[in-house]
Amino acid sequence: MTQPVIIITGASRGIGEATAYWLATQGARLVLVARSDAPLQAVAERAKRLGGEVLIESADVSDPNACANVVELAVQTFGRLDAVVNNAGILQPVARIAEADQVQWKYNIEVNLLGVFYMCQWAIPHLRETQGRIVNVSTGAAISPIEGWSAYCASKAAALHFTRVLALEEPAITSVALRPGVVDTEMQAVIRQEGQKAMPPERYAYFKQLKESGRLAPPEEPARVIAWLALHAPASVSGEFIEYTDPRYAEPARALFGETLPQSLQ
C-alpha cells in the first residue's frame, strides 16, 4: 500500500472539499473531517468515484480528543500517515473588539489555532516516520489587520507563526502555510451577511464587489496547490508562507492534476 494517507479537516465544503477531490484523482487514501456528517458523506462518495479510498470522521477540531481519534483512525486503518491539511476554520465573530462576544471569540481561537495545534501534535510521531507534510491553510488576514475580524486575524496570525516554529522543531516534517486568496466559499458569504455592522463601509463594499464582479476564485484553484503541497512539498520550503498563485507550486500542481476537476463534479 504505497498510496499516501492524508487527513483533511474542514472537508465538507469549499477548499477542503476541493482538496479531497484533487487528491482522490491520484488515488490517495483520505480521512475527511468536518462537523457536519451529511455533507461529509456526500463528499466522500464523490471522492471515492474519483479513485480515492475514503474514511470520514465527524469531529470538531477544537476538541483535542476528537483530533486524537482522527489520527488514530487514519493510522489504525491505513497503517501510516503522510500528510495533514489543516483547513478547518471560522471567521466569526464579525464584530469590533469592544462589542465582540467573548464566547465566540474564544471558540474562534479554539478552532483556528488550537485545532491546528492539536492535530499537529497527535500527527507528529507518525509524520516523522514518513517524513510527511503539514499544510496549514492560512489567509492574508494573518498579516494584514481587518477591522471587525479581530479573532480571525489574531488566530490566523498565531497559526502562521506556529507553522514557522513547527518547521524549526520538526526538521523531518515539511510544514507550510498557504495563502489561498479570496475564494468563493461560505466564509465570503458570512462577510457579506455580517460585515456591514462591524467593517468600514469601503471595506465591506470591497468584499461585496468581489462577489458581484465575479472576482472570487473558485475553491478548486487554491485547493489544487494545497493538494500538490500535501503530496510533494519539498523540505526546502518548510516554514514558508506560500501564495497559491506562486508559479513554483501552481505550475507543477497544474501539470499533475490538470486544469479542471472531472466534469461530473462541476
C-alpha atoms as a PDB file:
ATOM      1  CA  MET A   1       0.000   0.000   0.000  1.00  0.00           C
ATOM      2  CA  THR A   2       2.060   2.880  -1.299  1.00  0.00           C
ATOM      3  CA  GLN A   3      -0.708   5.411  -1.834  1.00  0.00           C
ATOM      4  CA  PRO A   4      -0.369   8.368   0.569  1.00  0.00           C
ATOM      5  CA  VAL A   5      -2.600   8.704   3.615  1.00  0.00           C
ATOM      6  CA  ILE A   6      -3.825  12.266   4.162  1.00  0.00           C
ATOM      7  CA  ILE A   7      -6.085  13.876   6.764  1.00  0.00           C
ATOM      8  CA  ILE A   8      -8.128  16.896   5.619  1.00  0.00           C
ATOM      9  CA  THR A   9     -10.076  18.961   8.139  1.00  0.00           C
ATOM     10  CA  GLY A  10     -12.950  21.197   7.118  1.00  0.00           C
ATOM     11  CA  ALA A  11     -13.538  18.744   4.267  1.00  0.00           C
ATOM     12  CA  SER A  12     -17.306  19.019   3.875  1.00  0.00           C
ATOM     13  CA  ARG A  13     -17.254  22.102   1.623  1.00  0.00           C
ATOM     14  CA  GLY A  14     -15.169  24.787  -0.029  1.00  0.00           C
ATOM     15  CA  ILE A  15     -11.403  24.440  -0.177  1.00  0.00           C
ATOM     16  CA  GLY A  16     -11.299  21.286   1.941  1.00  0.00           C
ATOM     17  CA  GLU A  17     -13.842  19.552  -0.294  1.00  0.00           C
ATOM     18  CA  ALA A  18     -11.980  20.500  -3.482  1.00  0.00           C
ATOM     19  CA  THR A  19      -8.660  19.381  -1.979  1.00  0.00           C
ATOM     20  CA  ALA A  20     -10.182  15.967  -1.313  1.00  0.00           C
ATOM     21  CA  TYR A  21     -11.260  15.654  -4.947  1.00  0.00           C
ATOM     22  CA  TRP A  22      -7.854  16.578  -6.361  1.00  0.00           C
ATOM     23  CA  LEU A  23      -6.132  14.076  -4.077  1.00  0.00           C
ATOM     24  CA  ALA A  24      -8.685  11.389  -4.877  1.00  0.00           C
ATOM     25  CA  THR A  25      -7.788  11.645  -8.561  1.00  0.00           C
ATOM     26  CA  GLN A  26      -4.312  10.458  -7.563  1.00  0.00           C
ATOM     27  CA  GLY A  27      -5.667   7.501  -5.599  1.00  0.00           C
ATOM     28  CA  ALA A  28      -4.864   8.953  -2.183  1.00  0.00           C
ATOM     29  CA  ARG A  29      -6.249   7.376   0.958  1.00  0.00           C
ATOM     30  CA  LEU A  30      -8.155  10.127   2.725  1.00  0.00           C
ATOM     31  CA  VAL A  31      -9.546  10.760   6.186  1.00  0.00           C
ATOM     32  CA  LEU A  32     -12.062  13.579   5.802  1.00  0.00           C
ATOM     33  CA  VAL A  33     -13.060  15.555   8.876  1.00  0.00           C
ATOM     34  CA  ALA A  34     -15.850  18.077   9.485  1.00  0.00           C
ATOM     35  CA  ARG A  35     -18.581  18.816  12.000  1.00  0.00           C
ATOM     36  CA  SER A  36     -21.425  18.125   9.569  1.00  0.00           C
ATOM     37  CA  ASP A  37     -21.963  14.444   8.825  1.00  0.00           C
ATOM     38  CA  ALA A  38     -24.344  14.540   5.848  1.00  0.00           C
ATOM     39  CA  PRO A  39     -22.262  16.884   3.631  1.00  0.00           C
ATOM     40  CA  LEU A  40     -19.156  14.907   4.583  1.00  0.00           C
ATOM     41  CA  GLN A  41     -20.811  11.694   3.432  1.00  0.00           C
ATOM     42  CA  ALA A  42     -21.620  13.281   0.074  1.00  0.00           C
ATOM     43  CA  VAL A  43     -18.038  14.488  -0.421  1.00  0.00           C
ATOM     44  CA  ALA A  44     -16.735  11.028   0.486  1.00  0.00           C
ATOM     45  CA  GLU A  45     -18.917   9.338  -2.093  1.00  0.00           C
ATOM     46  CA  ARG A  46     -17.771  11.688  -4.844  1.00  0.00           C
ATOM     47  CA  ALA A  47     -14.113  11.284  -3.819  1.00  0.00           C
ATOM     48  CA  LYS A  48     -14.443   7.507  -3.970  1.00  0.00           C
ATOM     49  CA  ARG A  49     -15.780   7.734  -7.518  1.00  0.00           C
ATOM     50  CA  LEU A  50     -12.661   9.688  -8.450  1.00  0.00           C
ATOM     51  CA  GLY A  51     -10.398   6.901  -7.212  1.00  0.00           C
ATOM     52  CA  GLY A  52      -9.736   7.718  -3.584  1.00  0.00           C
ATOM     53  CA  GLU A  53     -10.114   5.400  -0.618  1.00  0.00           C
ATOM     54  CA  VAL A  54     -12.044   7.447   1.916  1.00  0.00           C
ATOM     55  CA  LEU A  55     -12.911   7.402   5.597  1.00  0.00           C
ATOM     56  CA  ILE A  56     -14.924  10.122   7.297  1.00  0.00           C
ATOM     57  CA  GLU A  57     -14.996  11.333  10.868  1.00  0.00           C
ATOM     58  CA  SER A  58     -17.488  13.857  12.219  1.00  0.00           C
ATOM     59  CA  ALA A  59     -15.431  15.924  14.649  1.00  0.00           C
ATOM     60  CA  ASP A  60     -14.873  19.411  15.983  1.00  0.00           C
ATOM     61  CA  VAL A  61     -11.164  20.207  15.860  1.00  0.00           C
ATOM     62  CA  SER A  62     -11.497  22.411  18.939  1.00  0.00           C
ATOM     63  CA  ASP A  63     -11.712  19.132  20.910  1.00  0.00           C
ATOM     64  CA  PRO A  64      -8.252  17.596  21.463  1.00  0.00           C
ATOM     65  CA  ASN A  65      -9.723  14.133  21.983  1.00  0.00           C
ATOM     66  CA  ALA A  66     -11.538  14.372  18.652  1.00  0.00           C
ATOM     67  CA  CYS A  67      -8.250  15.221  16.936  1.00  0.00           C
ATOM     68  CA  ALA A  68      -6.571  12.265  18.618  1.00  0.00           C
ATOM     69  CA  ASN A  69      -9.352   9.995  17.362  1.00  0.00           C
ATOM     70  CA  VAL A  70      -8.904  11.241  13.794  1.00  0.00           C
ATOM     71  CA  VAL A  71      -5.184  10.481  13.775  1.00  0.00           C
ATOM     72  CA  GLU A  72      -5.767   7.102  15.418  1.00  0.00           C
ATOM     73  CA  LEU A  73      -8.399   6.239  12.804  1.00  0.00           C
ATOM     74  CA  ALA A  74      -6.013   7.080   9.981  1.00  0.00           C
ATOM     75  CA  VAL A  75      -3.096   5.088  11.359  1.00  0.00           C
ATOM     76  CA  GLN A  76      -5.087   2.084  12.534  1.00  0.00           C
ATOM     77  CA  THR A  77      -6.921   1.798   9.236  1.00  0.00           C
ATOM     78  CA  PHE A  78      -4.159   2.558   6.765  1.00  0.00           C
ATOM     79  CA  GLY A  79      -1.022   1.819   8.800  1.00  0.00           C
ATOM     80  CA  ARG A  80       0.655   5.177   8.267  1.00  0.00           C
ATOM     81  CA  LEU A  81       0.152   8.912   7.886  1.00  0.00           C
ATOM     82  CA  ASP A  82       1.764  11.009   5.167  1.00  0.00           C
ATOM     83  CA  ALA A  83       0.162  14.445   5.420  1.00  0.00           C
ATOM     84  CA  VAL A  84      -2.289  16.628   7.311  1.00  0.00           C
ATOM     85  CA  VAL A  85      -4.172  19.508   5.709  1.00  0.00           C
ATOM     86  CA  ASN A  86      -5.442  21.785   8.476  1.00  0.00           C
ATOM     87  CA  ASN A  87      -8.191  23.587   6.606  1.00  0.00           C
ATOM     88  CA  ALA A  88     -10.984  23.862   9.212  1.00  0.00           C
ATOM     89  CA  GLY A  89     -11.557  27.478  10.165  1.00  0.00           C
ATOM     90  CA  ILE A  90     -14.182  30.031  11.130  1.00  0.00           C
ATOM     91  CA  LEU A  91     -14.475  33.808  10.759  1.00  0.00           C
ATOM     92  CA  GLN A  92     -16.952  34.739  13.493  1.00  0.00           C
ATOM     93  CA  PRO A  93     -17.416  36.810  15.493  1.00  0.00           C
ATOM     94  CA  VAL A  94     -17.595  39.592  12.932  1.00  0.00           C
ATOM     95  CA  ALA A  95     -17.612  42.398  15.470  1.00  0.00           C
ATOM     96  CA  ARG A  96     -15.477  45.230  16.711  1.00  0.00           C
ATOM     97  CA  ILE A  97     -13.357  44.331  19.726  1.00  0.00           C
ATOM     98  CA  ALA A  98     -15.393  46.444  22.155  1.00  0.00           C
ATOM     99  CA  GLU A  99     -18.609  44.627  21.215  1.00  0.00           C
ATOM    100  CA  ALA A 100     -17.337  41.116  20.389  1.00  0.00           C
ATOM    101  CA  ASP A 101     -18.964  38.171  22.130  1.00  0.00           C
ATOM    102  CA  GLN A 102     -16.332  36.639  24.399  1.00  0.00           C
ATOM    103  CA  VAL A 103     -17.569  33.074  23.975  1.00  0.00           C
ATOM    104  CA  GLN A 104     -17.477  33.335  20.181  1.00  0.00           C
ATOM    105  CA  TRP A 105     -14.041  34.976  20.311  1.00  0.00           C
ATOM    106  CA  LYS A 106     -12.683  32.138  22.448  1.00  0.00           C
ATOM    107  CA  TYR A 107     -14.182  29.499  20.167  1.00  0.00           C
ATOM    108  CA  ASN A 108     -12.539  31.114  17.142  1.00  0.00           C
ATOM    109  CA  ILE A 109      -9.134  30.678  18.812  1.00  0.00           C
ATOM    110  CA  GLU A 110     -10.012  27.103  19.732  1.00  0.00           C
ATOM    111  CA  VAL A 111     -10.808  26.192  16.133  1.00  0.00           C
ATOM    112  CA  ASN A 112      -8.320  28.255  14.136  1.00  0.00           C
ATOM    113  CA  LEU A 113      -5.285  27.931  16.412  1.00  0.00           C
ATOM    114  CA  LEU A 114      -5.769  25.184  18.966  1.00  0.00           C
ATOM    115  CA  GLY A 115      -7.333  22.862  16.408  1.00  0.00           C
ATOM    116  CA  VAL A 116      -4.171  23.171  14.303  1.00  0.00           C
ATOM    117  CA  PHE A 117      -2.007  22.554  17.370  1.00  0.00           C
ATOM    118  CA  TYR A 118      -3.985  19.505  18.491  1.00  0.00           C
ATOM    119  CA  MET A 119      -3.992  17.880  15.077  1.00  0.00           C
ATOM    120  CA  CYS A 120      -0.307  18.519  14.535  1.00  0.00           C
ATOM    121  CA  GLN A 121       0.697  17.282  17.979  1.00  0.00           C
ATOM    122  CA  TRP A 122      -1.094  13.961  17.552  1.00  0.00           C
ATOM    123  CA  ALA A 123       0.180  13.568  13.991  1.00  0.00           C
ATOM    124  CA  ILE A 124       3.844  14.450  14.564  1.00  0.00           C
ATOM    125  CA  PRO A 125       5.077  10.984  15.701  1.00  0.00           C
ATOM    126  CA  HIS A 126       3.584   9.370  12.605  1.00  0.00           C
ATOM    127  CA  LEU A 127       4.706  12.092  10.201  1.00  0.00           C
ATOM    128  CA  ARG A 128       8.276  11.785  11.489  1.00  0.00           C
ATOM    129  CA  GLU A 129       8.264   8.155  10.352  1.00  0.00           C
ATOM    130  CA  THR A 130       7.117   9.006   6.823  1.00  0.00           C
ATOM    131  CA  GLN A 131       8.944  12.347   6.537  1.00  0.00           C
ATOM    132  CA  GLY A 132       5.483  13.703   5.920  1.00  0.00           C
ATOM    133  CA  ARG A 133       3.926  17.087   5.355  1.00  0.00           C
ATOM    134  CA  ILE A 134       1.635  19.545   7.111  1.00  0.00           C
ATOM    135  CA  VAL A 135      -0.241  22.189   5.129  1.00  0.00           C
ATOM    136  CA  ASN A 136      -1.938  24.830   7.263  1.00  0.00           C
ATOM    137  CA  VAL A 137      -4.484  26.839   5.271  1.00  0.00           C
ATOM    138  CA  SER A 138      -3.938  30.477   6.186  1.00  0.00           C
ATOM    139  CA  THR A 139      -5.150  33.868   4.948  1.00  0.00           C
ATOM    140  CA  GLY A 140      -3.963  37.337   4.101  1.00  0.00           C
ATOM    141  CA  ALA A 141      -5.619  38.404   7.366  1.00  0.00           C
ATOM    142  CA  ALA A 142      -2.768  36.644   9.171  1.00  0.00           C
ATOM    143  CA  ILE A 143      -0.512  39.546   8.204  1.00  0.00           C
ATOM    144  CA  SER A 144      -2.976  42.353   7.393  1.00  0.00           C
ATOM    145  CA  PRO A 145      -5.376  43.586  10.108  1.00  0.00           C
ATOM    146  CA  ILE A 146      -9.033  43.961   9.158  1.00  0.00           C
ATOM    147  CA  GLU A 147     -11.479  45.859  11.330  1.00  0.00           C
ATOM    148  CA  GLY A 148     -14.220  43.630  12.702  1.00  0.00           C
ATOM    149  CA  TRP A 149     -12.192  40.436  12.319  1.00  0.00           C
ATOM    150  CA  SER A 150     -10.084  40.594  15.475  1.00  0.00           C
ATOM    151  CA  ALA A 151     -10.459  36.936  16.482  1.00  0.00           C
ATOM    152  CA  TYR A 152      -9.846  35.670  12.950  1.00  0.00           C
ATOM    153  CA  CYS A 153      -6.816  37.905  12.395  1.00  0.00           C
ATOM    154  CA  ALA A 154      -5.306  37.029  15.771  1.00  0.00           C
ATOM    155  CA  SER A 155      -5.869  33.289  15.483  1.00  0.00           C
ATOM    156  CA  LYS A 156      -4.567  33.081  11.928  1.00  0.00           C
ATOM    157  CA  ALA A 157      -1.510  35.216  12.720  1.00  0.00           C
ATOM    158  CA  ALA A 158      -0.735  32.886  15.611  1.00  0.00           C
ATOM    159  CA  ALA A 159      -1.236  29.790  13.448  1.00  0.00           C
ATOM    160  CA  LEU A 160       1.129  31.213  10.836  1.00  0.00           C
ATOM    161  CA  HIS A 161       3.877  31.753  13.379  1.00  0.00           C
ATOM    162  CA  PHE A 162       3.107  28.333  14.855  1.00  0.00           C
ATOM    163  CA  THR A 163       3.845  26.858  11.413  1.00  0.00           C
ATOM    164  CA  ARG A 164       7.241  28.544  11.392  1.00  0.00           C
ATOM    165  CA  VAL A 165       8.109  27.219  14.845  1.00  0.00           C
ATOM    166  CA  LEU A 166       6.901  23.762  13.866  1.00  0.00           C
ATOM    167  CA  ALA A 167       9.229  23.792  10.851  1.00  0.00           C
ATOM    168  CA  LEU A 168      12.188  24.563  13.106  1.00  0.00           C
ATOM    169  CA  GLU A 169      11.329  21.961  15.721  1.00  0.00           C
ATOM    170  CA  GLU A 170      10.448  19.121  13.329  1.00  0.00           C
ATOM    171  CA  PRO A 171      13.031  19.047  10.518  1.00  0.00           C
ATOM    172  CA  ALA A 172      11.845  15.613   9.358  1.00  0.00           C
ATOM    173  CA  ILE A 173       8.410  17.085   8.569  1.00  0.00           C
ATOM    174  CA  THR A 174       7.770  19.693   5.879  1.00  0.00           C
ATOM    175  CA  SER A 175       5.373  22.265   7.330  1.00  0.00           C
ATOM    176  CA  VAL A 176       3.970  25.151   5.294  1.00  0.00           C
ATOM    177  CA  ALA A 177       1.171  27.701   5.454  1.00  0.00           C
ATOM    178  CA  LEU A 178      -0.754  28.577   2.317  1.00  0.00           C
ATOM    179  CA  ARG A 179      -2.492  31.851   1.499  1.00  0.00           C
ATOM    180  CA  PRO A 180      -5.471  30.930  -0.700  1.00  0.00           C
ATOM    181  CA  GLY A 181      -6.515  34.404  -1.774  1.00  0.00           C
ATOM    182  CA  VAL A 182     -10.163  35.481  -1.893  1.00  0.00           C
ATOM    183  CA  VAL A 183     -12.208  32.369  -2.607  1.00  0.00           C
ATOM    184  CA  ASP A 184     -15.894  31.844  -3.271  1.00  0.00           C
ATOM    185  CA  THR A 185     -16.672  29.975  -0.051  1.00  0.00           C
ATOM    186  CA  GLU A 186     -19.141  30.126   2.829  1.00  0.00           C
ATOM    187  CA  MET A 187     -16.749  32.429   4.678  1.00  0.00           C
ATOM    188  CA  GLN A 188     -17.153  35.074   1.977  1.00  0.00           C
ATOM    189  CA  ALA A 189     -20.919  34.706   2.329  1.00  0.00           C
ATOM    190  CA  VAL A 190     -20.589  35.382   6.072  1.00  0.00           C
ATOM    191  CA  ILE A 191     -18.622  38.550   5.319  1.00  0.00           C
ATOM    192  CA  ARG A 192     -21.406  39.809   3.041  1.00  0.00           C
ATOM    193  CA  GLN A 193     -24.109  38.878   5.557  1.00  0.00           C
ATOM    194  CA  GLU A 194     -22.496  40.175   8.753  1.00  0.00           C
ATOM    195  CA  GLY A 195     -19.714  42.526   7.758  1.00  0.00           C
ATOM    196  CA  GLN A 196     -21.724  45.720   7.391  1.00  0.00           C
ATOM    197  CA  LYS A 197     -22.244  46.041  11.136  1.00  0.00           C
ATOM    198  CA  ALA A 198     -18.544  45.887  12.028  1.00  0.00           C
ATOM    199  CA  MET A 199     -16.417  46.756   8.995  1.00  0.00           C
ATOM    200  CA  PRO A 200     -15.698  50.188   7.490  1.00  0.00           C
ATOM    201  CA  PRO A 201     -18.135  50.900   4.641  1.00  0.00           C
ATOM    202  CA  GLU A 202     -15.443  50.939   1.978  1.00  0.00           C
ATOM    203  CA  ARG A 203     -14.013  47.591   3.125  1.00  0.00           C
ATOM    204  CA  TYR A 204     -17.437  45.983   3.278  1.00  0.00           C
ATOM    205  CA  ALA A 205     -18.230  47.321  -0.197  1.00  0.00           C
ATOM    206  CA  TYR A 206     -14.978  45.851  -1.495  1.00  0.00           C
ATOM    207  CA  PHE A 207     -15.942  42.343  -0.391  1.00  0.00           C
ATOM    208  CA  LYS A 208     -19.441  42.696  -1.810  1.00  0.00           C
ATOM    209  CA  GLN A 209     -18.000  43.840  -5.115  1.00  0.00           C
ATOM    210  CA  LEU A 210     -15.685  40.841  -5.281  1.00  0.00           C
ATOM    211  CA  LYS A 211     -18.723  38.577  -5.489  1.00  0.00           C
ATOM    212  CA  GLU A 212     -20.808  40.810  -7.723  1.00  0.00           C
ATOM    213  CA  SER A 213     -17.994  41.246 -10.255  1.00  0.00           C
ATOM    214  CA  GLY A 214     -17.055  37.553 -10.306  1.00  0.00           C
ATOM    215  CA  ARG A 215     -13.572  38.124  -8.904  1.00  0.00           C
ATOM    216  CA  LEU A 216     -13.715  35.405  -6.245  1.00  0.00           C
ATOM    217  CA  ALA A 217     -11.569  32.413  -7.133  1.00  0.00           C
ATOM    218  CA  PRO A 218     -13.280  29.022  -7.260  1.00  0.00           C
ATOM    219  CA  PRO A 219     -12.190  26.756  -4.357  1.00  0.00           C
ATOM    220  CA  GLU A 220     -10.563  24.228  -6.679  1.00  0.00           C
ATOM    221  CA  GLU A 221      -7.828  26.705  -7.679  1.00  0.00           C
ATOM    222  CA  PRO A 222      -6.088  27.078  -4.298  1.00  0.00           C
ATOM    223  CA  ALA A 223      -7.115  23.506  -3.445  1.00  0.00           C
ATOM    224  CA  ARG A 224      -5.081  22.184  -6.376  1.00  0.00           C
ATOM    225  CA  VAL A 225      -1.935  23.765  -4.918  1.00  0.00           C
ATOM    226  CA  ILE A 226      -2.789  22.544  -1.413  1.00  0.00           C
ATOM    227  CA  ALA A 227      -3.163  19.009  -2.756  1.00  0.00           C
ATOM    228  CA  TRP A 228       0.176  19.231  -4.569  1.00  0.00           C
ATOM    229  CA  LEU A 229       1.905  20.520  -1.435  1.00  0.00           C
ATOM    230  CA  ALA A 230       0.427  17.685   0.627  1.00  0.00           C
ATOM    231  CA  LEU A 231       1.948  15.219  -1.833  1.00  0.00           C
ATOM    232  CA  HIS A 232       5.150  16.885  -2.994  1.00  0.00           C
ATOM    233  CA  ALA A 233       6.168  19.983  -0.983  1.00  0.00           C
ATOM    234  CA  PRO A 234       9.988  19.855  -0.806  1.00  0.00           C
ATOM    235  CA  ALA A 235      11.705  20.082   2.557  1.00  0.00           C
ATOM    236  CA  SER A 236      13.439  23.270   1.418  1.00  0.00           C
ATOM    237  CA  VAL A 237      10.173  25.253   1.714  1.00  0.00           C
ATOM    238  CA  SER A 238       9.368  24.208   5.269  1.00  0.00           C
ATOM    239  CA  GLY A 239       8.237  27.190   7.335  1.00  0.00           C
ATOM    240  CA  GLU A 240       7.224  29.289   4.328  1.00  0.00           C
ATOM    241  CA  PHE A 241       4.024  31.286   3.845  1.00  0.00           C
ATOM    242  CA  ILE A 242       3.093  30.332   0.287  1.00  0.00           C
ATOM    243  CA  GLU A 243       0.872  32.212  -2.159  1.00  0.00           C
ATOM    244  CA  TYR A 244      -1.280  29.784  -4.095  1.00  0.00           C
ATOM    245  CA  THR A 245      -0.502  31.658  -7.305  1.00  0.00           C
ATOM    246  CA  ASP A 246       3.267  31.240  -6.866  1.00  0.00           C
ATOM    247  CA  PRO A 247       4.379  29.555 -10.114  1.00  0.00           C
ATOM    248  CA  ARG A 248       6.859  27.359  -8.230  1.00  0.00           C
ATOM    249  CA  TYR A 249       3.849  25.460  -6.873  1.00  0.00           C
ATOM    250  CA  ALA A 250       0.944  26.417  -9.129  1.00  0.00           C
ATOM    251  CA  GLU A 251       2.630  25.174 -12.299  1.00  0.00           C
ATOM    252  CA  PRO A 252       3.611  21.692 -11.086  1.00  0.00           C
ATOM    253  CA  ALA A 253       0.182  21.379  -9.452  1.00  0.00           C
ATOM    254  CA  ARG A 254      -1.497  22.124 -12.783  1.00  0.00           C
ATOM    255  CA  ALA A 255       0.833  19.703 -14.558  1.00  0.00           C
ATOM    256  CA  LEU A 256      -0.032  16.913 -12.131  1.00  0.00           C
ATOM    257  CA  PHE A 257      -3.777  17.409 -11.764  1.00  0.00           C
ATOM    258  CA  GLY A 258      -4.785  19.228 -14.931  1.00  0.00           C
ATOM    259  CA  GLU A 259      -6.825  22.370 -15.368  1.00  0.00           C
ATOM    260  CA  THR A 260     -10.195  21.234 -14.076  1.00  0.00           C
ATOM    261  CA  LEU A 261     -11.782  18.618 -11.894  1.00  0.00           C
ATOM    262  CA  PRO A 262     -13.696  15.843 -13.675  1.00  0.00           C
ATOM    263  CA  GLN A 263     -16.808  17.161 -15.383  1.00  0.00           C
ATOM    264  CA  SER A 264     -19.121  15.148 -13.122  1.00  0.00           C
ATOM    265  CA  LEU A 265     -18.125  17.394 -10.198  1.00  0.00           C
ATOM    266  CA  GLN A 266     -18.594  20.733 -11.928  1.00  0.00           C
END
